[in-house]
Amino acid sequence: YWLLEEAKLQRMPKEQPLSRKVALVTGAGGGIGKAIAD
């Protein structure tokens, strides 16, 4: 809980909308499925 460590944490970039999510996509070897996974 060092203030310098806290400052480092506060400088971390904002998380993306789907951060912390796990997605399983069928048919993802190419085409629409791969585009969705991307």
PDB file of all heavy atoms in Angstrom:
ATOM      1  N   TYR A   1       0.821  -1.215   0.000  1.00  0.00           N
ATOM      2  CA  TYR A   1       0.000   0.000   0.000  1.00  0.00           C
ATOM      3  C   TYR A   1       0.858   1.269   0.000  1.00  0.00           C
ATOM      4  O   TYR A   1       0.422   2.321   0.458  1.00  0.00           O
ATOM      5  CB  TYR A   1      -0.954  -0.020   1.193  1.00  0.00           C
ATOM      6  CG  TYR A   1      -2.138  -0.919   0.947  1.00  0.00           C
ATOM      7  CD1 TYR A   1      -2.097  -2.267   1.287  1.00  0.00           C
ATOM      8  CD2 TYR A   1      -3.292  -0.439   0.325  1.00  0.00           C
ATOM      9  CE1 TYR A   1      -3.180  -3.099   1.044  1.00  0.00           C
ATOM     10  CE2 TYR A   1      -4.372  -1.262   0.077  1.00  0.00           C
ATOM     11  CZ  TYR A   1      -4.312  -2.594   0.436  1.00  0.00           C
ATOM     12  OH  TYR A   1      -5.397  -3.410   0.176  1.00  0.00           O
ATOM     13  N   TRP A   2       2.068   1.157  -0.534  1.00  0.00           N
ATOM     14  CA  TRP A   2       2.951   2.307  -0.716  1.00  0.00           C
ATOM     15  C   TRP A   2       2.263   3.289  -1.651  1.00  0.00           C
ATOM     16  O   TRP A   2       1.689   2.914  -2.672  1.00  0.00           O
ATOM     17  CB  TRP A   2       4.247   1.810  -1.324  1.00  0.00           C
ATOM     18  CG  TRP A   2       5.423   2.733  -1.244  1.00  0.00           C
ATOM     19  CD1 TRP A   2       5.458   4.009  -0.777  1.00  0.00           C
ATOM     20  CD2 TRP A   2       6.758   2.416  -1.643  1.00  0.00           C
ATOM     21  NE1 TRP A   2       6.721   4.515  -0.863  1.00  0.00           N
ATOM     22  CE2 TRP A   2       7.542   3.551  -1.390  1.00  0.00           C
ATOM     23  CE3 TRP A   2       7.354   1.287  -2.189  1.00  0.00           C
ATOM     24  CZ2 TRP A   2       8.906   3.600  -1.675  1.00  0.00           C
ATOM     25  CZ3 TRP A   2       8.711   1.329  -2.468  1.00  0.00           C
ATOM     26  CH2 TRP A   2       9.473   2.469  -2.205  1.00  0.00           C
ATOM     27  N   LEU A   3       2.323   4.562  -1.336  1.00  0.00           N
ATOM     28  CA  LEU A   3       1.677   5.574  -2.179  1.00  0.00           C
ATOM     29  C   LEU A   3       2.254   5.576  -3.589  1.00  0.00           C
ATOM     30  O   LEU A   3       1.542   5.869  -4.565  1.00  0.00           O
ATOM     31  CB  LEU A   3       1.813   6.958  -1.540  1.00  0.00           C
ATOM     32  CG  LEU A   3       1.001   7.166  -0.250  1.00  0.00           C
ATOM     33  CD1 LEU A   3       1.276   8.551   0.331  1.00  0.00           C
ATOM     34  CD2 LEU A   3      -0.489   6.985  -0.507  1.00  0.00           C
ATOM     35  N   LEU A   4       3.547   5.245  -3.719  1.00  0.00           N
ATOM     36  CA  LEU A   4       4.145   5.186  -5.051  1.00  0.00           C
ATOM     37  C   LEU A   4       3.588   4.012  -5.857  1.00  0.00           C
ATOM     38  O   LEU A   4       3.421   4.109  -7.075  1.00  0.00           O
ATOM     39  CB  LEU A   4       5.666   5.077  -4.942  1.00  0.00           C
ATOM     40  CG  LEU A   4       6.366   6.305  -4.342  1.00  0.00           C
ATOM     41  CD1 LEU A   4       7.857   6.049  -4.224  1.00  0.00           C
ATOM     42  CD2 LEU A   4       6.107   7.545  -5.192  1.00  0.00           C
ATOM     43  N   GLU A   5       3.316   2.899  -5.183  1.00  0.00           N
ATOM     44  CA  GLU A   5       2.684   1.777  -5.864  1.00  0.00           C
ATOM     45  C   GLU A   5       1.261   2.143  -6.279  1.00  0.00           C
ATOM     46  O   GLU A   5       0.799   1.801  -7.362  1.00  0.00           O
ATOM     47  CB  GLU A   5       2.658   0.541  -4.960  1.00  0.00           C
ATOM     48  CG  GLU A   5       3.960  -0.217  -4.883  1.00  0.00           C
ATOM     49  CD  GLU A   5       4.356  -0.866  -6.199  1.00  0.00           C
ATOM     50  OE1 GLU A   5       3.464  -1.211  -7.003  1.00  0.00           O
ATOM     51  OE2 GLU A   5       5.564  -1.025  -6.431  1.00  0.00           O
ATOM     52  N   GLU A   6       0.561   2.850  -5.403  1.00  0.00           N
ATOM     53  CA  GLU A   6      -0.795   3.285  -5.715  1.00  0.00           C
ATOM     54  C   GLU A   6      -0.794   4.225  -6.914  1.00  0.00           C
ATOM     55  O   GLU A   6      -1.657   4.117  -7.807  1.00  0.00           O
ATOM     56  CB  GLU A   6      -1.418   3.980  -4.501  1.00  0.00           C
ATOM     57  CG  GLU A   6      -2.832   4.508  -4.732  1.00  0.00           C
ATOM     58  CD  GLU A   6      -3.865   3.424  -4.914  1.00  0.00           C
ATOM     59  OE1 GLU A   6      -3.564   2.248  -4.601  1.00  0.00           O
ATOM     60  OE2 GLU A   6      -4.979   3.750  -5.373  1.00  0.00           O
ATOM     61  N   ALA A   7       0.184   5.118  -6.963  1.00  0.00           N
ATOM     62  CA  ALA A   7       0.281   6.042  -8.093  1.00  0.00           C
ATOM     63  C   ALA A   7       0.521   5.272  -9.394  1.00  0.00           C
ATOM     64  O   ALA A   7      -0.027   5.617 -10.452  1.00  0.00           O
ATOM     65  CB  ALA A   7       1.408   7.046  -7.852  1.00  0.00           C
ATOM     66  N   LYS A   8       1.331   4.220  -9.317  1.00  0.00           N
ATOM     67  CA  LYS A   8       1.585   3.383 -10.495  1.00  0.00           C
ATOM     68  C   LYS A   8       0.294   2.719 -10.965  1.00  0.00           C
ATOM     69  O   LYS A   8       0.009   2.649 -12.163  1.00  0.00           O
ATOM     70  CB  LYS A   8       2.639   2.328 -10.162  1.00  0.00           C
ATOM     71  CG  LYS A   8       3.117   1.521 -11.365  1.00  0.00           C
ATOM     72  CD  LYS A   8       4.031   0.378 -10.949  1.00  0.00           C
ATOM     73  CE  LYS A   8       5.301   0.861 -10.311  1.00  0.00           C
ATOM     74  NZ  LYS A   8       6.230  -0.282 -10.043  1.00  0.00           N
ATOM     75  N   LEU A   9      -0.512   2.228 -10.021  1.00  0.00           N
ATOM     76  CA  LEU A   9      -1.779   1.596 -10.369  1.00  0.00           C
ATOM     77  C   LEU A   9      -2.733   2.605 -11.011  1.00  0.00           C
ATOM     78  O   LEU A   9      -3.464   2.282 -11.946  1.00  0.00           O
ATOM     79  CB  LEU A   9      -2.430   0.987  -9.127  1.00  0.00           C
ATOM     80  CG  LEU A   9      -1.720  -0.220  -8.501  1.00  0.00           C
ATOM     81  CD1 LEU A   9      -2.421  -0.622  -7.205  1.00  0.00           C
ATOM     82  CD2 LEU A   9      -1.681  -1.399  -9.461  1.00  0.00           C
ATOM     83  N   GLN A  10      -2.721   3.827 -10.495  1.00  0.00           N
ATOM     84  CA  GLN A  10      -3.622   4.851 -11.026  1.00  0.00           C
ATOM     85  C   GLN A  10      -3.233   5.276 -12.441  1.00  0.00           C
ATOM     86  O   GLN A  10      -4.072   5.792 -13.189  1.00  0.00           O
ATOM     87  CB  GLN A  10      -3.630   6.076 -10.101  1.00  0.00           C
ATOM     88  CG  GLN A  10      -4.209   5.804  -8.718  1.00  0.00           C
ATOM     89  CD  GLN A  10      -5.636   5.284  -8.760  1.00  0.00           C
ATOM     90  OE1 GLN A  10      -6.437   5.706  -9.582  1.00  0.00           O
ATOM     91  NE2 GLN A  10      -5.950   4.338  -7.866  1.00  0.00           N
ATOM     92  N   ARG A  11      -1.958   5.049 -12.806  1.00  0.00           N
ATOM     93  CA  ARG A  11      -1.501   5.407 -14.153  1.00  0.00           C
ATOM     94  C   ARG A  11      -1.817   4.332 -15.181  1.00  0.00           C
ATOM     95  O   ARG A  11      -1.614   4.531 -16.368  1.00  0.00           O
ATOM     96  CB  ARG A  11       0.018   5.663 -14.150  1.00  0.00           C
ATOM     97  CG  ARG A  11       0.459   6.911 -13.422  1.00  0.00           C
ATOM     98  CD  ARG A  11       1.880   7.283 -13.785  1.00  0.00           C
ATOM     99  NE  ARG A  11       2.854   6.254 -13.449  1.00  0.00           N
ATOM    100  CZ  ARG A  11       3.505   6.184 -12.290  1.00  0.00           C
ATOM    101  NH1 ARG A  11       3.280   7.098 -11.356  1.00  0.00           N
ATOM    102  NH2 ARG A  11       4.382   5.222 -12.071  1.00  0.00           N
ATOM    103  N   MET A  12      -2.316   3.196 -14.721  1.00  0.00           N
ATOM    104  CA  MET A  12      -2.627   2.116 -15.658  1.00  0.00           C
ATOM    105  C   MET A  12      -3.713   2.572 -16.630  1.00  0.00           C
ATOM    106  O   MET A  12      -4.637   3.299 -16.257  1.00  0.00           O
ATOM    107  CB  MET A  12      -3.103   0.877 -14.899  1.00  0.00           C
ATOM    108  CG  MET A  12      -2.063   0.279 -13.967  1.00  0.00           C
ATOM    109  SD  MET A  12      -0.695  -0.483 -14.839  1.00  0.00           S
ATOM    110  CE  MET A  12      -1.480  -1.959 -15.458  1.00  0.00           C
ATOM    111  N   PRO A  13      -3.610   2.173 -17.894  1.00  0.00           N
ATOM    112  CA  PRO A  13      -4.631   2.583 -18.865  1.00  0.00           C
ATOM    113  C   PRO A  13      -6.011   2.033 -18.516  1.00  0.00           C
ATOM    114  O   PRO A  13      -6.132   0.987 -17.866  1.00  0.00           O
ATOM    115  CB  PRO A  13      -4.117   1.993 -20.184  1.00  0.00           C
ATOM    116  CG  PRO A  13      -3.182   0.902 -19.793  1.00  0.00           C
ATOM    117  CD  PRO A  13      -2.569   1.330 -18.503  1.00  0.00           C
ATOM    118  N   LYS A  14      -7.031   2.734 -18.949  1.00  0.00           N
ATOM    119  CA  LYS A  14      -8.405   2.311 -18.706  1.00  0.00           C
ATOM    120  C   LYS A  14      -8.653   0.965 -19.373  1.00  0.00           C
ATOM    121  O   LYS A  14      -8.204   0.716 -20.491  1.00  0.00           O
ATOM    122  CB  LYS A  14      -9.376   3.355 -19.263  1.00  0.00           C
ATOM    123  CG  LYS A  14     -10.841   3.032 -19.022  1.00  0.00           C
ATOM    124  CD  LYS A  14     -11.746   4.107 -19.626  1.00  0.00           C
ATOM    125  CE  LYS A  14     -13.212   3.768 -19.433  1.00  0.00           C
ATOM    126  NZ  LYS A  14     -14.099   4.781 -20.049  1.00  0.00           N
ATOM    127  N   GLU A  15      -9.370   0.098 -18.683  1.00  0.00           N
ATOM    128  CA  GLU A  15      -9.650  -1.227 -19.233  1.00  0.00           C
ATOM    129  C   GLU A  15     -10.614  -1.128 -20.419  1.00  0.00           C
ATOM    130  O   GLU A  15     -11.476  -0.259 -20.477  1.00  0.00           O
ATOM    131  CB  GLU A  15     -10.223  -2.146 -18.158  1.00  0.00           C
ATOM    132  CG  GLU A  15      -9.209  -2.494 -17.075  1.00  0.00           C
ATOM    133  CD  GLU A  15      -9.720  -3.563 -16.124  1.00  0.00           C
ATOM    134  OE1 GLU A  15     -10.520  -4.417 -16.562  1.00  0.00           O
ATOM    135  OE2 GLU A  15      -9.323  -3.545 -14.950  1.00  0.00           O
ATOM    136  N   GLN A  16     -10.454  -2.057 -21.357  1.00  0.00           N
ATOM    137  CA  GLN A  16     -11.311  -2.089 -22.543  1.00  0.00           C
ATOM    138  C   GLN A  16     -12.699  -2.637 -22.190  1.00  0.00           C
ATOM    139  O   GLN A  16     -12.889  -3.263 -21.140  1.00  0.00           O
ATOM    140  CB  GLN A  16     -10.651  -2.952 -23.618  1.00  0.00           C
ATOM    141  CG  GLN A  16      -9.352  -2.368 -24.147  1.00  0.00           C
ATOM    142  CD  GLN A  16      -8.665  -3.322 -25.113  1.00  0.00           C
ATOM    143  OE1 GLN A  16      -8.008  -4.270 -24.700  1.00  0.00           O
ATOM    144  NE2 GLN A  16      -8.827  -3.074 -26.410  1.00  0.00           N
ATOM    145  N   PRO A  17     -13.673  -2.410 -23.063  1.00  0.00           N
ATOM    146  CA  PRO A  17     -15.060  -2.803 -22.741  1.00  0.00           C
ATOM    147  C   PRO A  17     -15.229  -4.272 -22.386  1.00  0.00           C
ATOM    148  O   PRO A  17     -16.058  -4.608 -21.538  1.00  0.00           O
ATOM    149  CB  PRO A  17     -15.823  -2.449 -24.023  1.00  0.00           C
ATOM    150  CG  PRO A  17     -15.016  -1.376 -24.669  1.00  0.00           C
ATOM    151  CD  PRO A  17     -13.589  -1.676 -24.339  1.00  0.00           C
ATOM    152  N   LEU A  18     -14.464  -5.155 -23.037  1.00  0.00           N
ATOM    153  CA  LEU A  18     -14.635  -6.588 -22.792  1.00  0.00           C
ATOM    154  C   LEU A  18     -13.486  -7.181 -21.981  1.00  0.00           C
ATOM    155  O   LEU A  18     -13.333  -8.415 -21.930  1.00  0.00           O
ATOM    156  CB  LEU A  18     -14.794  -7.347 -24.115  1.00  0.00           C
ATOM    157  CG  LEU A  18     -16.015  -6.960 -24.959  1.00  0.00           C
ATOM    158  CD1 LEU A  18     -16.100  -7.827 -26.204  1.00  0.00           C
ATOM    159  CD2 LEU A  18     -17.306  -7.068 -24.153  1.00  0.00           C
ATOM    160  N   SER A  19     -12.697  -6.336 -21.329  1.00  0.00           N
ATOM    161  CA  SER A  19     -11.682  -6.850 -20.421  1.00  0.00           C
ATOM    162  C   SER A  19     -12.356  -7.707 -19.356  1.00  0.00           C
ATOM    163  O   SER A  19     -13.489  -7.442 -18.962  1.00  0.00           O
ATOM    164  CB  SER A  19     -10.940  -5.697 -19.743  1.00  0.00           C
ATOM    165  OG  SER A  19     -10.125  -5.022 -20.664  1.00  0.00           O
ATOM    166  N   ARG A  20     -11.659  -8.733 -18.917  1.00  0.00           N
ATOM    167  CA  ARG A  20     -12.142  -9.664 -17.882  1.00  0.00           C
ATOM    168  C   ARG A  20     -13.218 -10.610 -18.401  1.00  0.00           C
ATOM    169  O   ARG A  20     -13.839 -11.329 -17.621  1.00  0.00           O
ATOM    170  CB  ARG A  20     -12.641  -8.911 -16.640  1.00  0.00           C
ATOM    171  CG  ARG A  20     -11.610  -7.966 -16.017  1.00  0.00           C
ATOM    172  CD  ARG A  20     -12.228  -7.125 -14.921  1.00  0.00           C
ATOM    173  NE  ARG A  20     -11.277  -6.190 -14.331  1.00  0.00           N
ATOM    174  CZ  ARG A  20     -10.571  -6.411 -13.224  1.00  0.00           C
ATOM    175  NH1 ARG A  20     -10.715  -7.555 -12.585  1.00  0.00           N
ATOM    176  NH2 ARG A  20      -9.733  -5.509 -12.754  1.00  0.00           N
ATOM    177  N   LYS A  21     -13.452 -10.624 -19.730  1.00  0.00           N
ATOM    178  CA  LYS A  21     -14.449 -11.516 -20.315  1.00  0.00           C
ATOM    179  C   LYS A  21     -13.770 -12.632 -21.109  1.00  0.00           C
ATOM    180  O   LYS A  21     -12.709 -12.436 -21.701  1.00  0.00           O
ATOM    181  CB  LYS A  21     -15.388 -10.755 -21.256  1.00  0.00           C
ATOM    182  CG  LYS A  21     -16.132  -9.598 -20.615  1.00  0.00           C
ATOM    183  CD  LYS A  21     -17.143 -10.069 -19.588  1.00  0.00           C
ATOM    184  CE  LYS A  21     -17.978  -8.912 -19.056  1.00  0.00           C
ATOM    185  NZ  LYS A  21     -18.901  -9.348 -17.979  1.00  0.00           N
ATOM    186  N   VAL A  22     -14.425 -13.791 -21.138  1.00  0.00           N
ATOM    187  CA  VAL A  22     -13.961 -14.925 -21.930  1.00  0.00           C
ATOM    188  C   VAL A  22     -15.048 -15.259 -22.946  1.00  0.00           C
ATOM    189  O   VAL A  22     -16.206 -15.463 -22.575  1.00  0.00           O
ATOM    190  CB  VAL A  22     -13.684 -16.157 -21.049  1.00  0.00           C
ATOM    191  CG1 VAL A  22     -13.157 -17.307 -21.905  1.00  0.00           C
ATOM    192  CG2 VAL A  22     -12.698 -15.820 -19.935  1.00  0.00           C
ATOM    193  N   ALA A  23     -14.656 -15.298 -24.226  1.00  0.00           N
ATOM    194  CA  ALA A  23     -15.622 -15.563 -25.295  1.00  0.00           C
ATOM    195  C   ALA A  23     -15.246 -16.835 -26.037  1.00  0.00           C
ATOM    196  O   ALA A  23     -14.085 -17.020 -26.419  1.00  0.00           O
ATOM    197  CB  ALA A  23     -15.666 -14.386 -26.270  1.00  0.00           C
ATOM    198  N   LEU A  24     -16.214 -17.708 -26.249  1.00  0.00           N
ATOM    199  CA  LEU A  24     -16.023 -18.900 -27.064  1.00  0.00           C
ATOM    200  C   LEU A  24     -16.822 -18.724 -28.345  1.00  0.00           C
ATOM    201  O   LEU A  24     -18.022 -18.425 -28.297  1.00  0.00           O
ATOM    202  CB  LEU A  24     -16.470 -20.149 -26.308  1.00  0.00           C
ATOM    203  CG  LEU A  24     -16.251 -21.487 -27.018  1.00  0.00           C
ATOM    204  CD1 LEU A  24     -15.839 -22.576 -26.023  1.00  0.00           C
ATOM    205  CD2 LEU A  24     -17.507 -21.939 -27.780  1.00  0.00           C
ATOM    206  N   VAL A  25     -16.139 -18.893 -29.484  1.00  0.00           N
ATOM    207  CA  VAL A  25     -16.764 -18.665 -30.783  1.00  0.00           C
ATOM    208  C   VAL A  25     -16.649 -19.932 -31.614  1.00  0.00           C
ATOM    209  O   VAL A  25     -15.543 -20.451 -31.828  1.00  0.00           O
ATOM    210  CB  VAL A  25     -16.091 -17.492 -31.529  1.00  0.00           C
ATOM    211  CG1 VAL A  25     -16.809 -17.225 -32.854  1.00  0.00           C
ATOM    212  CG2 VAL A  25     -16.084 -16.233 -30.669  1.00  0.00           C
ATOM    213  N   THR A  26     -17.780 -20.456 -32.085  1.00  0.00           N
ATOM    214  CA  THR A  26     -17.740 -21.620 -32.971  1.00  0.00           C
ATOM    215  C   THR A  26     -17.549 -21.143 -34.410  1.00  0.00           C
ATOM    216  O   THR A  26     -17.864 -20.004 -34.760  1.00  0.00           O
ATOM    217  CB  THR A  26     -19.025 -22.451 -32.865  1.00  0.00           C
ATOM    218  OG1 THR A  26     -20.135 -21.700 -33.377  1.00  0.00           O
ATOM    219  CG2 THR A  26     -19.291 -22.858 -31.422  1.00  0.00           C
ATOM    220  N   GLY A  27     -17.010 -22.037 -35.231  1.00  0.00           N
ATOM    221  CA  GLY A  27     -16.759 -21.673 -36.629  1.00  0.00           C
ATOM    222  C   GLY A  27     -15.733 -20.577 -36.762  1.00  0.00           C
ATOM    223  O   GLY A  27     -15.769 -19.787 -37.719  1.00  0.00           O
ATOM    224  N   ALA A  28     -14.785 -20.517 -35.824  1.00  0.00           N
ATOM    225  CA  ALA A  28     -13.835 -19.396 -35.771  1.00  0.00           C
ATOM    226  C   ALA A  28     -12.565 -19.658 -36.555  1.00  0.00           C
ATOM    227  O   ALA A  28     -11.617 -18.871 -36.476  1.00  0.00           O
ATOM    228  CB  ALA A  28     -13.484 -19.082 -34.314  1.00  0.00           C
ATOM    229  N   GLY A  29     -12.525 -20.739 -37.335  1.00  0.00           N
ATOM    230  CA  GLY A  29     -11.343 -21.000 -38.145  1.00  0.00           C
ATOM    231  C   GLY A  29     -11.218 -20.068 -39.333  1.00  0.00           C
ATOM    232  O   GLY A  29     -10.182 -20.028 -40.001  1.00  0.00           O
ATOM    233  N   GLY A  30     -12.251 -19.295 -39.612  1.00  0.00           N
ATOM    234  CA  GLY A  30     -12.210 -18.356 -40.733  1.00  0.00           C
ATOM    235  C   GLY A  30     -13.543 -17.667 -40.885  1.00  0.00           C
ATOM    236  O   GLY A  30     -14.472 -17.877 -40.093  1.00  0.00           O
ATOM    237  N   GLY A  31     -13.667 -16.837 -41.904  1.00  0.00           N
ATOM    238  CA  GLY A  31     -14.927 -16.200 -42.236  1.00  0.00           C
ATOM    239  C   GLY A  31     -15.518 -15.352 -41.126  1.00  0.00           C
ATOM    240  O   GLY A  31     -14.804 -14.646 -40.401  1.00  0.00           O
ATOM    241  N   ILE A  32     -16.835 -15.440 -40.963  1.00  0.00           N
ATOM    242  CA  ILE A  32     -17.547 -14.621 -39.987  1.00  0.00           C
ATOM    243  C   ILE A  32     -17.086 -14.938 -38.567  1.00  0.00           C
ATOM    244  O   ILE A  32     -16.894 -14.035 -37.741  1.00  0.00           O
ATOM    245  CB  ILE A  32     -19.069 -14.824 -40.136  1.00  0.00           C
ATOM    246  CG1 ILE A  32     -19.561 -14.214 -41.457  1.00  0.00           C
ATOM    247  CG2 ILE A  32     -19.821 -14.186 -38.966  1.00  0.00           C
ATOM    248  CD1 ILE A  32     -21.016 -14.503 -41.777  1.00  0.00           C
ATOM    249  N   GLY A  33     -16.890 -16.219 -38.245  1.00  0.00           N
ATOM    250  CA  GLY A  33     -16.469 -16.597 -36.896  1.00  0.00           C
ATOM    251  C   GLY A  33     -15.151 -15.976 -36.506  1.00  0.00           C
ATOM    252  O   GLY A  33     -14.991 -15.470 -35.389  1.00  0.00           O
ATOM    253  N   LYS A  34     -14.176 -16.006 -37.411  1.00  0.00           N
ATOM    254  CA  LYS A  34     -12.869 -15.411 -37.111  1.00  0.00           C
ATOM    255  C   LYS A  34     -12.993 -13.893 -36.963  1.00  0.00           C
ATOM    256  O   LYS A  34     -12.361 -13.294 -36.077  1.00  0.00           O
ATOM    257  CB  LYS A  34     -11.872 -15.742 -38.231  1.00  0.00           C
ATOM    258  CG  LYS A  34     -10.475 -15.121 -38.053  1.00  0.00           C
ATOM    259  CD  LYS A  34      -9.788 -15.586 -36.777  1.00  0.00           C
ATOM    260  CE  LYS A  34      -8.292 -15.316 -36.768  1.00  0.00           C
ATOM    261  NZ  LYS A  34      -7.895 -13.933 -36.878  1.00  0.00           N
ATOM    262  N   ALA A  35     -13.809 -13.262 -37.796  1.00  0.00           N
ATOM    263  CA  ALA A  35     -14.010 -11.813 -37.687  1.00  0.00           C
ATOM    264  C   ALA A  35     -14.619 -11.455 -36.333  1.00  0.00           C
ATOM    265  O   ALA A  35     -14.244 -10.451 -35.712  1.00  0.00           O
ATOM    266  CB  ALA A  35     -14.900 -11.312 -38.820  1.00  0.00           C
ATOM    267  N   ILE A  36     -15.543 -12.274 -35.862  1.00  0.00           N
ATOM    268  CA  ILE A  36     -16.159 -12.034 -34.547  1.00  0.00           C
ATOM    269  C   ILE A  36     -15.119 -12.186 -33.446  1.00  0.00           C
ATOM    270  O   ILE A  36     -15.019 -11.339 -32.542  1.00  0.00           O
ATOM    271  CB  ILE A  36     -17.333 -13.010 -34.323  1.00  0.00           C
ATOM    272  CG1 ILE A  36     -18.486 -12.671 -35.271  1.00  0.00           C
ATOM    273  CG2 ILE A  36     -17.807 -12.961 -32.872  1.00  0.00           C
ATOM    274  CD1 ILE A  36     -19.569 -13.734 -35.324  1.00  0.00           C
ATOM    275  N   ALA A  37     -14.324 -13.257 -33.511  1.00  0.00           N
ATOM    276  CA  ALA A  37     -13.273 -13.458 -32.501  1.00  0.00           C
ATOM    277  C   ALA A  37     -12.286 -12.300 -32.512  1.00  0.00           C
ATOM    278  O   ALA A  37     -11.862 -11.812 -31.451  1.00  0.00           O
ATOM    279  CB  ALA A  37     -12.556 -14.779 -32.757  1.00  0.00           C
ATOM    280  N   ASP A  38     -11.923 -11.835 -33.696  1.00  0.00           N
ATOM    281  CA  ASP A  38     -10.993 -10.697 -33.811  1.00  0.00           C
ATOM    282  C   ASP A  38     -11.556  -9.457 -33.134  1.00  0.00           C
ATOM    283  O   ASP A  38     -10.853  -8.741 -32.411  1.00  0.00           O
ATOM    284  CB  ASP A  38     -10.707 -10.379 -35.281  1.00  0.00           C
ATOM    285  CG  ASP A  38      -9.800 -11.399 -35.951  1.00  0.00           C
ATOM    286  OD1 ASP A  38      -9.191 -12.220 -35.231  1.00  0.00           O
ATOM    287  OD2 ASP A  38      -9.698 -11.367 -37.192  1.00  0.00           O
TER     288      ASP A  38
END
